[in-house]
Amino acid sequence: MRRHKINQILLYVILTVLAAIFVYQALRKVLGHSWQVESLVLVLIASTLAVVMSDRAKLSQLNGEFRQFKRSFNALCHDFKGMRQEFHDFRAKQENFNNWTRVQFKDIKQKL
């Protein structure tokens, strides 16, 4: 975890440096004293690559959190299946009890 945090901070530092270079060179281009346009494009591509890597790191972190959610959801699903089975068993026992009471009621009614 610590290494991941260090890599993330290093990525943000690189991104900040590249963005600063790009802004500096863009201002120089506007004022007429700049590097070649290809250099600006290269810095822009490098900064875009840094953003993509940062997004990839965040996505992998979310994927790990989703794995935890999936595990919890599977446990909840298992609990609901158990509860459904218990309700089914209860309903069967209730039906058996109702049938038994009907038979008993008929017997009592016939005796009277």
N, C-alpha and C. Protein backbone atom coordinates (compact mmCIF):
# COMPACT_ATOMS: atom_id res chain seq x y z
N MET A 1 0.83 -1.19 0.00
CA MET A 1 0.00 0.00 0.00
C MET A 1 0.87 1.25 0.00
N ARG A 2 1.94 1.21 0.77
CA ARG A 2 2.83 2.38 0.85
C ARG A 2 3.48 2.65 -0.50
N ARG A 3 3.88 1.57 -1.19
CA ARG A 3 4.52 1.74 -2.49
C ARG A 3 3.54 2.35 -3.50
N HIS A 4 2.30 1.93 -3.43
CA HIS A 4 1.28 2.47 -4.32
C HIS A 4 1.11 3.97 -4.08
N LYS A 5 1.12 4.38 -2.84
CA LYS A 5 0.97 5.80 -2.50
C LYS A 5 2.16 6.60 -3.01
N ILE A 6 3.37 6.05 -2.86
CA ILE A 6 4.57 6.73 -3.33
C ILE A 6 4.52 6.88 -4.86
N ASN A 7 4.11 5.81 -5.55
CA ASN A 7 3.99 5.88 -7.00
C ASN A 7 2.96 6.92 -7.43
N GLN A 8 1.88 7.01 -6.70
CA GLN A 8 0.85 7.98 -7.04
C GLN A 8 1.37 9.41 -6.84
N ILE A 9 2.07 9.65 -5.75
CA ILE A 9 2.63 10.99 -5.50
C ILE A 9 3.67 11.33 -6.57
N LEU A 10 4.51 10.37 -6.92
CA LEU A 10 5.51 10.59 -7.96
C LEU A 10 4.85 10.90 -9.30
N LEU A 11 3.77 10.23 -9.60
CA LEU A 11 3.04 10.49 -10.84
C LEU A 11 2.46 11.89 -10.86
N TYR A 12 1.92 12.34 -9.73
CA TYR A 12 1.38 13.69 -9.66
C TYR A 12 2.48 14.75 -9.80
N VAL A 13 3.65 14.47 -9.25
CA VAL A 13 4.77 15.41 -9.38
C VAL A 13 5.21 15.51 -10.84
N ILE A 14 5.31 14.37 -11.50
CA ILE A 14 5.70 14.37 -12.92
C ILE A 14 4.65 15.10 -13.75
N LEU A 15 3.39 14.85 -13.46
CA LEU A 15 2.32 15.52 -14.19
C LEU A 15 2.37 17.03 -13.98
N THR A 16 2.63 17.45 -12.76
CA THR A 16 2.71 18.88 -12.46
C THR A 16 3.89 19.52 -13.19
N VAL A 17 5.03 18.86 -13.20
CA VAL A 17 6.21 19.40 -13.90
C VAL A 17 5.94 19.50 -15.40
N LEU A 18 5.35 18.47 -15.98
CA LEU A 18 5.04 18.50 -17.41
C LEU A 18 4.03 19.60 -17.74
N ALA A 19 3.04 19.77 -16.89
CA ALA A 19 2.05 20.82 -17.12
C ALA A 19 2.71 22.20 -17.02
N ALA A 20 3.61 22.36 -16.05
CA ALA A 20 4.30 23.65 -15.92
C ALA A 20 5.16 23.93 -17.15
N ILE A 21 5.87 22.91 -17.64
CA ILE A 21 6.68 23.10 -18.85
C ILE A 21 5.80 23.47 -20.03
N PHE A 22 4.67 22.80 -20.15
CA PHE A 22 3.77 23.09 -21.26
C PHE A 22 3.22 24.51 -21.19
N VAL A 23 2.80 24.93 -20.00
CA VAL A 23 2.27 26.29 -19.84
C VAL A 23 3.36 27.32 -20.15
N TYR A 24 4.57 27.07 -19.66
CA TYR A 24 5.68 27.98 -19.91
C TYR A 24 5.98 28.08 -21.41
N GLN A 25 6.05 26.96 -22.07
CA GLN A 25 6.36 26.98 -23.50
C GLN A 25 5.21 27.55 -24.32
N ALA A 26 3.97 27.30 -23.89
CA ALA A 26 2.83 27.89 -24.59
C ALA A 26 2.86 29.41 -24.47
N LEU A 27 3.19 29.92 -23.29
CA LEU A 27 3.30 31.38 -23.12
C LEU A 27 4.43 31.94 -23.98
N ARG A 28 5.55 31.22 -24.05
CA ARG A 28 6.65 31.67 -24.90
C ARG A 28 6.25 31.65 -26.37
N LYS A 29 5.44 30.66 -26.77
CA LYS A 29 4.99 30.58 -28.16
C LYS A 29 4.08 31.76 -28.48
N VAL A 30 3.22 32.13 -27.53
CA VAL A 30 2.33 33.28 -27.74
C VAL A 30 3.13 34.56 -27.87
N LEU A 31 4.20 34.69 -27.09
CA LEU A 31 5.02 35.90 -27.13
C LEU A 31 6.02 35.88 -28.29
N GLY A 32 6.17 34.73 -28.97
CA GLY A 32 7.04 34.67 -30.14
C GLY A 32 8.42 34.15 -29.87
N HIS A 33 8.74 33.72 -28.68
CA HIS A 33 10.08 33.20 -28.36
C HIS A 33 9.93 31.77 -27.84
N SER A 34 9.81 30.82 -28.72
CA SER A 34 9.49 29.48 -28.26
C SER A 34 10.36 28.43 -28.90
N TRP A 35 10.24 27.23 -28.34
CA TRP A 35 10.78 26.06 -28.97
C TRP A 35 9.96 25.80 -30.22
N GLN A 36 10.29 24.74 -30.88
CA GLN A 36 9.50 24.35 -32.04
C GLN A 36 8.16 23.78 -31.59
N VAL A 37 7.21 23.76 -32.48
CA VAL A 37 5.87 23.27 -32.17
C VAL A 37 5.92 21.79 -31.79
N GLU A 38 6.83 21.03 -32.39
CA GLU A 38 6.95 19.61 -32.09
C GLU A 38 7.29 19.37 -30.62
N SER A 39 8.09 20.25 -30.04
CA SER A 39 8.44 20.12 -28.63
C SER A 39 7.21 20.33 -27.76
N LEU A 40 6.37 21.29 -28.13
CA LEU A 40 5.13 21.50 -27.37
C LEU A 40 4.22 20.29 -27.47
N VAL A 41 4.13 19.72 -28.64
CA VAL A 41 3.29 18.53 -28.83
C VAL A 41 3.84 17.36 -28.02
N LEU A 42 5.16 17.22 -28.00
CA LEU A 42 5.78 16.15 -27.22
C LEU A 42 5.47 16.29 -25.73
N VAL A 43 5.56 17.50 -25.21
CA VAL A 43 5.24 17.74 -23.80
C VAL A 43 3.75 17.45 -23.54
N LEU A 44 2.90 17.84 -24.47
CA LEU A 44 1.47 17.60 -24.33
C LEU A 44 1.16 16.10 -24.33
N ILE A 45 1.83 15.35 -25.20
CA ILE A 45 1.62 13.90 -25.25
C ILE A 45 2.12 13.26 -23.95
N ALA A 46 3.26 13.70 -23.45
CA ALA A 46 3.79 13.14 -22.21
C ALA A 46 2.86 13.42 -21.03
N SER A 47 2.30 14.63 -20.99
CA SER A 47 1.38 14.95 -19.89
C SER A 47 0.09 14.14 -20.01
N THR A 48 -0.37 13.91 -21.24
CA THR A 48 -1.55 13.08 -21.44
C THR A 48 -1.28 11.65 -20.99
N LEU A 49 -0.09 11.15 -21.28
CA LEU A 49 0.29 9.82 -20.83
C LEU A 49 0.31 9.74 -19.31
N ALA A 50 0.79 10.78 -18.65
CA ALA A 50 0.80 10.78 -17.18
C ALA A 50 -0.63 10.78 -16.63
N VAL A 51 -1.54 11.50 -17.27
CA VAL A 51 -2.94 11.51 -16.83
C VAL A 51 -3.55 10.12 -17.00
N VAL A 52 -3.24 9.47 -18.12
CA VAL A 52 -3.77 8.13 -18.37
C VAL A 52 -3.26 7.15 -17.31
N MET A 53 -2.00 7.25 -16.97
CA MET A 53 -1.44 6.36 -15.94
C MET A 53 -2.09 6.62 -14.59
N SER A 54 -2.34 7.87 -14.28
CA SER A 54 -3.01 8.21 -13.02
C SER A 54 -4.42 7.63 -12.99
N ASP A 55 -5.13 7.77 -14.09
CA ASP A 55 -6.48 7.21 -14.16
C ASP A 55 -6.46 5.69 -14.05
N ARG A 56 -5.45 5.07 -14.63
CA ARG A 56 -5.32 3.61 -14.55
C ARG A 56 -5.10 3.17 -13.11
N ALA A 57 -4.29 3.92 -12.37
CA ALA A 57 -4.06 3.58 -10.97
C ALA A 57 -5.36 3.71 -10.16
N LYS A 58 -6.11 4.76 -10.41
CA LYS A 58 -7.39 4.94 -9.71
C LYS A 58 -8.38 3.84 -10.08
N LEU A 59 -8.40 3.45 -11.34
CA LEU A 59 -9.30 2.40 -11.80
C LEU A 59 -8.96 1.07 -11.15
N SER A 60 -7.69 0.75 -11.02
CA SER A 60 -7.31 -0.51 -10.38
C SER A 60 -7.69 -0.49 -8.90
N GLN A 61 -7.62 0.66 -8.27
CA GLN A 61 -8.04 0.77 -6.87
C GLN A 61 -9.54 0.54 -6.77
N LEU A 62 -10.32 1.11 -7.68
CA LEU A 62 -11.76 0.90 -7.67
C LEU A 62 -12.11 -0.55 -7.97
N ASN A 63 -11.32 -1.21 -8.81
CA ASN A 63 -11.56 -2.61 -9.11
C ASN A 63 -11.41 -3.45 -7.84
N GLY A 64 -10.42 -3.14 -7.01
CA GLY A 64 -10.25 -3.84 -5.75
C GLY A 64 -11.42 -3.59 -4.81
N GLU A 65 -11.93 -2.37 -4.78
CA GLU A 65 -13.08 -2.08 -3.94
C GLU A 65 -14.32 -2.79 -4.45
N PHE A 66 -14.45 -2.93 -5.77
CA PHE A 66 -15.59 -3.64 -6.34
C PHE A 66 -15.53 -5.11 -5.96
N ARG A 67 -14.32 -5.66 -5.89
CA ARG A 67 -14.16 -7.06 -5.49
C ARG A 67 -14.70 -7.26 -4.07
N GLN A 68 -14.44 -6.31 -3.18
CA GLN A 68 -14.98 -6.40 -1.83
C GLN A 68 -16.50 -6.32 -1.84
N PHE A 69 -17.05 -5.44 -2.68
CA PHE A 69 -18.49 -5.31 -2.81
C PHE A 69 -19.10 -6.60 -3.33
N LYS A 70 -18.45 -7.21 -4.30
CA LYS A 70 -18.95 -8.45 -4.88
C LYS A 70 -18.98 -9.56 -3.83
N ARG A 71 -17.95 -9.64 -3.00
CA ARG A 71 -17.90 -10.65 -1.94
C ARG A 71 -19.04 -10.43 -0.94
N SER A 72 -19.28 -9.18 -0.56
CA SER A 72 -20.37 -8.88 0.36
C SER A 72 -21.72 -9.20 -0.25
N PHE A 73 -21.87 -8.88 -1.54
CA PHE A 73 -23.14 -9.15 -2.21
C PHE A 73 -23.40 -10.65 -2.31
N ASN A 74 -22.34 -11.43 -2.56
CA ASN A 74 -22.51 -12.89 -2.61
C ASN A 74 -22.93 -13.44 -1.25
N ALA A 75 -22.37 -12.90 -0.17
CA ALA A 75 -22.77 -13.34 1.17
C ALA A 75 -24.24 -12.99 1.43
N LEU A 76 -24.65 -11.79 1.01
CA LEU A 76 -26.04 -11.38 1.17
C LEU A 76 -26.97 -12.27 0.35
N CYS A 77 -26.56 -12.62 -0.85
CA CYS A 77 -27.35 -13.51 -1.71
C CYS A 77 -27.50 -14.88 -1.05
N HIS A 78 -26.43 -15.39 -0.47
CA HIS A 78 -26.48 -16.67 0.22
C HIS A 78 -27.46 -16.60 1.40
N ASP A 79 -27.44 -15.51 2.15
CA ASP A 79 -28.37 -15.34 3.27
C ASP A 79 -29.82 -15.32 2.80
N PHE A 80 -30.09 -14.63 1.68
CA PHE A 80 -31.45 -14.58 1.16
C PHE A 80 -31.92 -15.95 0.67
N LYS A 81 -31.00 -16.73 0.09
CA LYS A 81 -31.38 -18.08 -0.33
C LYS A 81 -31.72 -18.95 0.87
N GLY A 82 -30.95 -18.80 1.94
CA GLY A 82 -31.25 -19.54 3.17
C GLY A 82 -32.58 -19.12 3.76
N MET A 83 -32.85 -17.81 3.75
CA MET A 83 -34.11 -17.31 4.28
C MET A 83 -35.28 -17.81 3.43
N ARG A 84 -35.11 -17.83 2.11
CA ARG A 84 -36.17 -18.33 1.24
C ARG A 84 -36.45 -19.80 1.52
N GLN A 85 -35.41 -20.59 1.76
CA GLN A 85 -35.60 -22.00 2.09
C GLN A 85 -36.32 -22.15 3.42
N GLU A 86 -35.97 -21.32 4.38
CA GLU A 86 -36.65 -21.37 5.68
C GLU A 86 -38.12 -21.02 5.54
N PHE A 87 -38.43 -20.01 4.71
CA PHE A 87 -39.84 -19.66 4.49
C PHE A 87 -40.58 -20.80 3.80
N HIS A 88 -39.92 -21.45 2.85
CA HIS A 88 -40.54 -22.59 2.16
C HIS A 88 -40.82 -23.72 3.16
N ASP A 89 -39.86 -24.02 4.03
CA ASP A 89 -40.05 -25.06 5.05
C ASP A 89 -41.17 -24.67 6.01
N PHE A 90 -41.20 -23.41 6.39
CA PHE A 90 -42.24 -22.94 7.31
C PHE A 90 -43.62 -23.07 6.66
N ARG A 91 -43.69 -22.71 5.39
CA ARG A 91 -44.98 -22.80 4.67
C ARG A 91 -45.45 -24.26 4.58
N ALA A 92 -44.51 -25.18 4.33
CA ALA A 92 -44.86 -26.59 4.26
C ALA A 92 -45.35 -27.09 5.62
N LYS A 93 -44.68 -26.70 6.69
CA LYS A 93 -45.10 -27.10 8.03
C LYS A 93 -46.46 -26.50 8.38
N GLN A 94 -46.69 -25.27 7.97
CA GLN A 94 -47.97 -24.61 8.23
C GLN A 94 -49.09 -25.32 7.48
N GLU A 95 -48.82 -25.73 6.24
CA GLU A 95 -49.82 -26.46 5.45
C GLU A 95 -50.11 -27.82 6.08
N ASN A 96 -49.06 -28.50 6.54
CA ASN A 96 -49.26 -29.78 7.23
C ASN A 96 -50.09 -29.59 8.50
N PHE A 97 -49.81 -28.55 9.25
CA PHE A 97 -50.56 -28.28 10.47
C PHE A 97 -52.03 -27.96 10.13
N ASN A 98 -52.26 -27.18 9.07
CA ASN A 98 -53.64 -26.86 8.67
C ASN A 98 -54.39 -28.12 8.25
N ASN A 99 -53.72 -28.99 7.51
CA ASN A 99 -54.36 -30.25 7.12
C ASN A 99 -54.68 -31.10 8.34
N TRP A 100 -53.76 -31.17 9.28
CA TRP A 100 -53.97 -31.95 10.49
C TRP A 100 -55.14 -31.40 11.30
N THR A 101 -55.22 -30.06 11.43
CA THR A 101 -56.33 -29.46 12.18
C THR A 101 -57.66 -29.69 11.47
N ARG A 102 -57.67 -29.69 10.15
CA ARG A 102 -58.92 -29.98 9.42
C ARG A 102 -59.40 -31.40 9.71
N VAL A 103 -58.44 -32.33 9.69
CA VAL A 103 -58.79 -33.73 9.99
C VAL A 103 -59.31 -33.85 11.42
N GLN A 104 -58.63 -33.20 12.35
CA GLN A 104 -59.07 -33.25 13.75
C GLN A 104 -60.44 -32.61 13.91
N PHE A 105 -60.67 -31.49 13.22
CA PHE A 105 -61.96 -30.81 13.31
C PHE A 105 -63.06 -31.71 12.74
N LYS A 106 -62.80 -32.40 11.63
CA LYS A 106 -63.80 -33.31 11.05
C LYS A 106 -64.11 -34.44 12.02
N ASP A 107 -63.07 -34.98 12.67
CA ASP A 107 -63.28 -36.06 13.64
C ASP A 107 -64.13 -35.58 14.80
N ILE A 108 -63.83 -34.41 15.32
CA ILE A 108 -64.60 -33.86 16.43
C ILE A 108 -66.03 -33.58 16.00
N LYS A 109 -66.21 -33.08 14.81
CA LYS A 109 -67.54 -32.76 14.27
C LYS A 109 -68.37 -34.04 14.08
N GLN A 110 -67.71 -35.12 13.64
CA GLN A 110 -68.42 -36.38 13.47
C GLN A 110 -68.81 -36.98 14.82
N LYS A 111 -67.98 -36.80 15.82
CA LYS A 111 -68.29 -37.34 17.15
C LYS A 111 -69.46 -36.62 17.80
N LEU A 112 -69.63 -35.34 17.47
CA LEU A 112 -70.74 -34.59 18.05
C LEU A 112 -71.98 -34.91 17.31
